[in-house]
Amino acid sequence: MPKLKTKTGAKKRFKISGTGKVIYAQRGKQHGMIKRTKKQIRNLRGTAVMFKTDGANVKKYFLPNG
C-alpha cells in the first residue's frame, strides 16, 4: 500500500491546532476591499476554527500526516 501524500494546496491553507482543531484564514480579503464595508473588512481579520465534521474531512483526506 503506498503512502498517502499531503495535498500541497491544503498544506498552505489549513493548520492543525494543538488540540486537533483545523484553523483556516478568513476568505474574501485578497482584493476588492474598496467595495466592502469597513465592518466586513474588520470581521474578516484573523483566523477561524472549522466545524468539527468539516475539519475531520480535511484531516482525513487532505492532511493525513498533519
PDB file of N, CA and C in Angstrom:
ATOM      1  N   MET A   1       0.851  -1.194   0.000  1.00  0.00           N
ATOM      2  CA  MET A   1       0.000   0.000   0.000  1.00  0.00           C
ATOM      3  C   MET A   1       0.887   1.244   0.000  1.00  0.00           C
ATOM      4  N   PRO A   2       0.694   2.144  -0.965  1.00  0.00           N
ATOM      5  CA  PRO A   2       1.528   3.351  -0.991  1.00  0.00           C
ATOM      6  C   PRO A   2       1.146   4.325   0.120  1.00  0.00           C
ATOM      7  N   LYS A   3       2.102   5.176   0.453  1.00  0.00           N
ATOM      8  CA  LYS A   3       1.834   6.183   1.475  1.00  0.00           C
ATOM      9  C   LYS A   3       0.912   7.264   0.909  1.00  0.00           C
ATOM     10  N   LEU A   4       0.125   7.890   1.805  1.00  0.00           N
ATOM     11  CA  LEU A   4      -0.744   8.984   1.391  1.00  0.00           C
ATOM     12  C   LEU A   4       0.064  10.271   1.366  1.00  0.00           C
ATOM     13  N   LYS A   5      -0.053  11.017   0.284  1.00  0.00           N
ATOM     14  CA  LYS A   5       0.638  12.302   0.207  1.00  0.00           C
ATOM     15  C   LYS A   5      -0.268  13.402   0.735  1.00  0.00           C
ATOM     16  N   THR A   6       0.335  14.393   1.371  1.00  0.00           N
ATOM     17  CA  THR A   6      -0.392  15.568   1.817  1.00  0.00           C
ATOM     18  C   THR A   6      -0.671  16.444   0.609  1.00  0.00           C
ATOM     19  N   LYS A   7      -1.911  16.933   0.489  1.00  0.00           N
ATOM     20  CA  LYS A   7      -2.251  17.844  -0.600  1.00  0.00           C
ATOM     21  C   LYS A   7      -1.584  19.199  -0.339  1.00  0.00           C
ATOM     22  N   THR A   8      -0.776  19.661  -1.300  1.00  0.00           N
ATOM     23  CA  THR A   8       0.006  20.869  -1.060  1.00  0.00           C
ATOM     24  C   THR A   8      -0.864  22.114  -0.965  1.00  0.00           C
ATOM     25  N   GLY A   9      -2.021  22.122  -1.645  1.00  0.00           N
ATOM     26  CA  GLY A   9      -2.929  23.259  -1.527  1.00  0.00           C
ATOM     27  C   GLY A   9      -3.491  23.365  -0.118  1.00  0.00           C
ATOM     28  N   ALA A  10      -3.827  22.223   0.478  1.00  0.00           N
ATOM     29  CA  ALA A  10      -4.365  22.210   1.836  1.00  0.00           C
ATOM     30  C   ALA A  10      -3.293  22.552   2.855  1.00  0.00           C
ATOM     31  N   LYS A  11      -2.066  22.153   2.561  1.00  0.00           N
ATOM     32  CA  LYS A  11      -0.946  22.442   3.463  1.00  0.00           C
ATOM     33  C   LYS A  11      -0.769  23.950   3.647  1.00  0.00           C
ATOM     34  N   LYS A  12      -1.029  24.690   2.566  1.00  0.00           N
ATOM     35  CA  LYS A  12      -0.878  26.145   2.606  1.00  0.00           C
ATOM     36  C   LYS A  12      -2.075  26.835   3.250  1.00  0.00           C
ATOM     37  N   ARG A  13      -3.246  26.186   3.217  1.00  0.00           N
ATOM     38  CA  ARG A  13      -4.466  26.854   3.667  1.00  0.00           C
ATOM     39  C   ARG A  13      -4.889  26.521   5.086  1.00  0.00           C
ATOM     40  N   PHE A  14      -4.561  25.335   5.569  1.00  0.00           N
ATOM     41  CA  PHE A  14      -5.041  24.900   6.874  1.00  0.00           C
ATOM     42  C   PHE A  14      -3.887  24.607   7.820  1.00  0.00           C
ATOM     43  N   LYS A  15      -4.202  24.706   9.131  1.00  0.00           N
ATOM     44  CA  LYS A  15      -3.211  24.389  10.157  1.00  0.00           C
ATOM     45  C   LYS A  15      -3.942  23.632  11.261  1.00  0.00           C
ATOM     46  N   ILE A  16      -3.310  22.638  11.810  1.00  0.00           N
ATOM     47  CA  ILE A  16      -3.920  21.863  12.901  1.00  0.00           C
ATOM     48  C   ILE A  16      -3.448  22.462  14.227  1.00  0.00           C
ATOM     49  N   SER A  17      -4.397  22.762  15.118  1.00  0.00           N
ATOM     50  CA  SER A  17      -4.040  23.313  16.416  1.00  0.00           C
ATOM     51  C   SER A  17      -3.541  22.202  17.337  1.00  0.00           C
ATOM     52  N   GLY A  18      -3.085  22.576  18.495  1.00  0.00           N
ATOM     53  CA  GLY A  18      -2.577  21.612  19.457  1.00  0.00           C
ATOM     54  C   GLY A  18      -3.633  20.636  19.938  1.00  0.00           C
ATOM     55  N   THR A  19      -4.886  21.086  19.971  1.00  0.00           N
ATOM     56  CA  THR A  19      -5.977  20.215  20.423  1.00  0.00           C
ATOM     57  C   THR A  19      -6.606  19.442  19.270  1.00  0.00           C
ATOM     58  N   GLY A  20      -6.082  19.625  18.035  1.00  0.00           N
ATOM     59  CA  GLY A  20      -6.568  18.852  16.901  1.00  0.00           C
ATOM     60  C   GLY A  20      -7.613  19.537  16.056  1.00  0.00           C
ATOM     61  N   LYS A  21      -7.902  20.813  16.345  1.00  0.00           N
ATOM     62  CA  LYS A  21      -8.874  21.543  15.535  1.00  0.00           C
ATOM     63  C   LYS A  21      -8.195  22.075  14.280  1.00  0.00           C
ATOM     64  N   VAL A  22      -8.983  22.285  13.228  1.00  0.00           N
ATOM     65  CA  VAL A  22      -8.445  22.810  11.968  1.00  0.00           C
ATOM     66  C   VAL A  22      -8.697  24.312  11.928  1.00  0.00           C
ATOM     67  N   ILE A  23      -7.620  25.087  11.737  1.00  0.00           N
ATOM     68  CA  ILE A  23      -7.694  26.539  11.696  1.00  0.00           C
ATOM     69  C   ILE A  23      -7.464  26.986  10.256  1.00  0.00           C
ATOM     70  N   TYR A  24      -8.220  27.978   9.828  1.00  0.00           N
ATOM     71  CA  TYR A  24      -8.061  28.483   8.460  1.00  0.00           C
ATOM     72  C   TYR A  24      -8.196  29.996   8.458  1.00  0.00           C
ATOM     73  N   ALA A  25      -7.645  30.638   7.419  1.00  0.00           N
ATOM     74  CA  ALA A  25      -7.750  32.084   7.275  1.00  0.00           C
ATOM     75  C   ALA A  25      -9.118  32.435   6.705  1.00  0.00           C
ATOM     76  N   GLN A  26      -9.628  33.608   7.068  1.00  0.00           N
ATOM     77  CA  GLN A  26     -10.909  34.054   6.550  1.00  0.00           C
ATOM     78  C   GLN A  26     -10.807  34.298   5.048  1.00  0.00           C
ATOM     79  N   ARG A  27     -11.809  33.938   4.286  1.00  0.00           N
ATOM     80  CA  ARG A  27     -11.773  34.139   2.853  1.00  0.00           C
ATOM     81  C   ARG A  27     -12.331  35.516   2.518  1.00  0.00           C
ATOM     82  N   GLY A  28     -11.990  35.990   1.301  1.00  0.00           N
ATOM     83  CA  GLY A  28     -12.586  37.215   0.805  1.00  0.00           C
ATOM     84  C   GLY A  28     -11.823  38.468   1.158  1.00  0.00           C
ATOM     85  N   LYS A  29     -10.506  38.355   1.407  1.00  0.00           N
ATOM     86  CA  LYS A  29      -9.750  39.550   1.756  1.00  0.00           C
ATOM     87  C   LYS A  29      -8.495  39.700   0.901  1.00  0.00           C
ATOM     88  N   GLN A  30      -8.477  39.065  -0.266  1.00  0.00           N
ATOM     89  CA  GLN A  30      -7.312  39.165  -1.138  1.00  0.00           C
ATOM     90  C   GLN A  30      -7.346  40.435  -1.975  1.00  0.00           C
ATOM     91  N   HIS A  31      -8.511  40.809  -2.465  1.00  0.00           N
ATOM     92  CA  HIS A  31      -8.627  42.011  -3.301  1.00  0.00           C
ATOM     93  C   HIS A  31     -10.067  42.488  -3.253  1.00  0.00           C
ATOM     94  N   GLY A  32     -10.318  43.678  -3.795  1.00  0.00           N
ATOM     95  CA  GLY A  32     -11.672  44.220  -3.836  1.00  0.00           C
ATOM     96  C   GLY A  32     -12.137  44.799  -2.522  1.00  0.00           C
ATOM     97  N   MET A  33     -11.204  45.324  -1.708  1.00  0.00           N
ATOM     98  CA  MET A  33     -11.586  45.875  -0.408  1.00  0.00           C
ATOM     99  C   MET A  33     -12.388  47.160  -0.535  1.00  0.00           C
ATOM    100  N   ILE A  34     -12.243  47.851  -1.661  1.00  0.00           N
ATOM    101  CA  ILE A  34     -12.902  49.148  -1.818  1.00  0.00           C
ATOM    102  C   ILE A  34     -14.416  48.999  -1.857  1.00  0.00           C
ATOM    103  N   LYS A  35     -14.897  47.848  -2.328  1.00  0.00           N
ATOM    104  CA  LYS A  35     -16.348  47.660  -2.394  1.00  0.00           C
ATOM    105  C   LYS A  35     -16.916  47.023  -1.141  1.00  0.00           C
ATOM    106  N   ARG A  36     -16.094  46.648  -0.189  1.00  0.00           N
ATOM    107  CA  ARG A  36     -16.583  46.063   1.059  1.00  0.00           C
ATOM    108  C   ARG A  36     -16.732  47.155   2.120  1.00  0.00           C
ATOM    109  N   THR A  37     -17.629  46.927   3.054  1.00  0.00           N
ATOM    110  CA  THR A  37     -17.790  47.904   4.132  1.00  0.00           C
ATOM    111  C   THR A  37     -16.664  47.739   5.139  1.00  0.00           C
ATOM    112  N   LYS A  38     -16.470  48.771   5.949  1.00  0.00           N
ATOM    113  CA  LYS A  38     -15.425  48.724   6.983  1.00  0.00           C
ATOM    114  C   LYS A  38     -15.700  47.586   7.966  1.00  0.00           C
ATOM    115  N   LYS A  39     -16.969  47.356   8.246  1.00  0.00           N
ATOM    116  CA  LYS A  39     -17.352  46.287   9.176  1.00  0.00           C
ATOM    117  C   LYS A  39     -16.976  44.914   8.614  1.00  0.00           C
ATOM    118  N   GLN A  40     -17.208  44.710   7.301  1.00  0.00           N
ATOM    119  CA  GLN A  40     -16.849  43.432   6.678  1.00  0.00           C
ATOM    120  C   GLN A  40     -15.341  43.204   6.764  1.00  0.00           C
ATOM    121  N   ILE A  41     -14.566  44.229   6.442  1.00  0.00           N
ATOM    122  CA  ILE A  41     -13.108  44.112   6.458  1.00  0.00           C
ATOM    123  C   ILE A  41     -12.621  43.798   7.873  1.00  0.00           C
ATOM    124  N   ARG A  42     -13.221  44.452   8.859  1.00  0.00           N
ATOM    125  CA  ARG A  42     -12.851  44.226  10.259  1.00  0.00           C
ATOM    126  C   ARG A  42     -13.153  42.794  10.683  1.00  0.00           C
ATOM    127  N   ASN A  43     -14.318  42.294  10.261  1.00  0.00           N
ATOM    128  CA  ASN A  43     -14.723  40.950  10.660  1.00  0.00           C
ATOM    129  C   ASN A  43     -13.946  39.849   9.946  1.00  0.00           C
ATOM    130  N   LEU A  44     -13.283  40.185   8.843  1.00  0.00           N
ATOM    131  CA  LEU A  44     -12.507  39.185   8.106  1.00  0.00           C
ATOM    132  C   LEU A  44     -11.084  39.045   8.621  1.00  0.00           C
ATOM    133  N   ARG A  45     -10.717  39.814   9.637  1.00  0.00           N
ATOM    134  CA  ARG A  45      -9.369  39.726  10.184  1.00  0.00           C
ATOM    135  C   ARG A  45      -9.153  38.413  10.913  1.00  0.00           C
ATOM    136  N   GLY A  46      -7.908  37.962  10.948  1.00  0.00           N
ATOM    137  CA  GLY A  46      -7.549  36.821  11.770  1.00  0.00           C
ATOM    138  C   GLY A  46      -7.947  35.482  11.164  1.00  0.00           C
ATOM    139  N   THR A  47      -8.038  34.486  12.023  1.00  0.00           N
ATOM    140  CA  THR A  47      -8.325  33.131  11.585  1.00  0.00           C
ATOM    141  C   THR A  47      -9.634  32.650  12.213  1.00  0.00           C
ATOM    142  N   ALA A  48     -10.112  31.524  11.713  1.00  0.00           N
ATOM    143  CA  ALA A  48     -11.341  30.922  12.237  1.00  0.00           C
ATOM    144  C   ALA A  48     -11.122  29.431  12.423  1.00  0.00           C
ATOM    145  N   VAL A  49     -11.951  28.821  13.269  1.00  0.00           N
ATOM    146  CA  VAL A  49     -11.874  27.377  13.519  1.00  0.00           C
ATOM    147  C   VAL A  49     -12.958  26.699  12.704  1.00  0.00           C
ATOM    148  N   MET A  50     -12.586  25.647  12.003  1.00  0.00           N
ATOM    149  CA  MET A  50     -13.520  24.928  11.139  1.00  0.00           C
ATOM    150  C   MET A  50     -14.477  24.088  11.991  1.00  0.00           C
ATOM    151  N   PHE A  51     -15.679  23.855  11.466  1.00  0.00           N
ATOM    152  CA  PHE A  51     -16.628  22.975  12.144  1.00  0.00           C
ATOM    153  C   PHE A  51     -16.029  21.576  12.281  1.00  0.00           C
ATOM    154  N   LYS A  52     -16.460  20.858  13.293  1.00  0.00           N
ATOM    155  CA  LYS A  52     -15.845  19.577  13.643  1.00  0.00           C
ATOM    156  C   LYS A  52     -15.860  18.563  12.494  1.00  0.00           C
ATOM    157  N   THR A  53     -17.007  18.403  11.830  1.00  0.00           N
ATOM    158  CA  THR A  53     -17.107  17.399  10.763  1.00  0.00           C
ATOM    159  C   THR A  53     -16.298  17.796   9.541  1.00  0.00           C
ATOM    160  N   ASP A  54     -16.324  19.095   9.188  1.00  0.00           N
ATOM    161  CA  ASP A  54     -15.523  19.561   8.056  1.00  0.00           C
ATOM    162  C   ASP A  54     -14.039  19.414   8.364  1.00  0.00           C
ATOM    163  N   GLY A  55     -13.664  19.735   9.584  1.00  0.00           N
ATOM    164  CA  GLY A  55     -12.263  19.598   9.988  1.00  0.00           C
ATOM    165  C   GLY A  55     -11.802  18.154   9.952  1.00  0.00           C
ATOM    166  N   ALA A  56     -12.685  17.241  10.313  1.00  0.00           N
ATOM    167  CA  ALA A  56     -12.334  15.816  10.272  1.00  0.00           C
ATOM    168  C   ALA A  56     -12.078  15.369   8.836  1.00  0.00           C
ATOM    169  N   ASN A  57     -12.875  15.869   7.896  1.00  0.00           N
ATOM    170  CA  ASN A  57     -12.673  15.529   6.485  1.00  0.00           C
ATOM    171  C   ASN A  57     -11.358  16.088   5.961  1.00  0.00           C
ATOM    172  N   VAL A  58     -11.036  17.315   6.345  1.00  0.00           N
ATOM    173  CA  VAL A  58      -9.772  17.922   5.914  1.00  0.00           C
ATOM    174  C   VAL A  58      -8.596  17.115   6.442  1.00  0.00           C
ATOM    175  N   LYS A  59      -8.672  16.728   7.700  1.00  0.00           N
ATOM    176  CA  LYS A  59      -7.571  15.961   8.295  1.00  0.00           C
ATOM    177  C   LYS A  59      -7.444  14.579   7.654  1.00  0.00           C
ATOM    178  N   LYS A  60      -8.573  13.981   7.313  1.00  0.00           N
ATOM    179  CA  LYS A  60      -8.543  12.630   6.778  1.00  0.00           C
ATOM    180  C   LYS A  60      -8.050  12.589   5.330  1.00  0.00           C
ATOM    181  N   TYR A  61      -8.562  13.479   4.497  1.00  0.00           N
ATOM    182  CA  TYR A  61      -8.287  13.397   3.054  1.00  0.00           C
ATOM    183  C   TYR A  61      -7.162  14.294   2.579  1.00  0.00           C
ATOM    184  N   PHE A  62      -6.966  15.438   3.235  1.00  0.00           N
ATOM    185  CA  PHE A  62      -6.005  16.401   2.703  1.00  0.00           C
ATOM    186  C   PHE A  62      -4.742  16.523   3.538  1.00  0.00           C
ATOM    187  N   LEU A  63      -4.840  16.288   4.846  1.00  0.00           N
ATOM    188  CA  LEU A  63      -3.672  16.397   5.713  1.00  0.00           C
ATOM    189  C   LEU A  63      -3.477  15.110   6.498  1.00  0.00           C
ATOM    190  N   PRO A  64      -3.239  13.987   5.827  1.00  0.00           N
ATOM    191  CA  PRO A  64      -3.146  12.724   6.550  1.00  0.00           C
ATOM    192  C   PRO A  64      -1.937  12.634   7.479  1.00  0.00           C
ATOM    193  N   ASN A  65      -0.892  13.413   7.186  1.00  0.00           N
ATOM    194  CA  ASN A  65       0.327  13.338   8.005  1.00  0.00           C
ATOM    195  C   ASN A  65       0.406  14.481   8.998  1.00  0.00           C
ATOM    196  N   GLY A  66      -0.592  15.370   9.016  1.00  0.00           N
ATOM    197  CA  GLY A  66      -0.508  16.575   9.818  1.00  0.00           C
ATOM    198  C   GLY A  66      -1.038  16.457  11.174  1.00  0.00           C
TER     199      GLY A  66
END
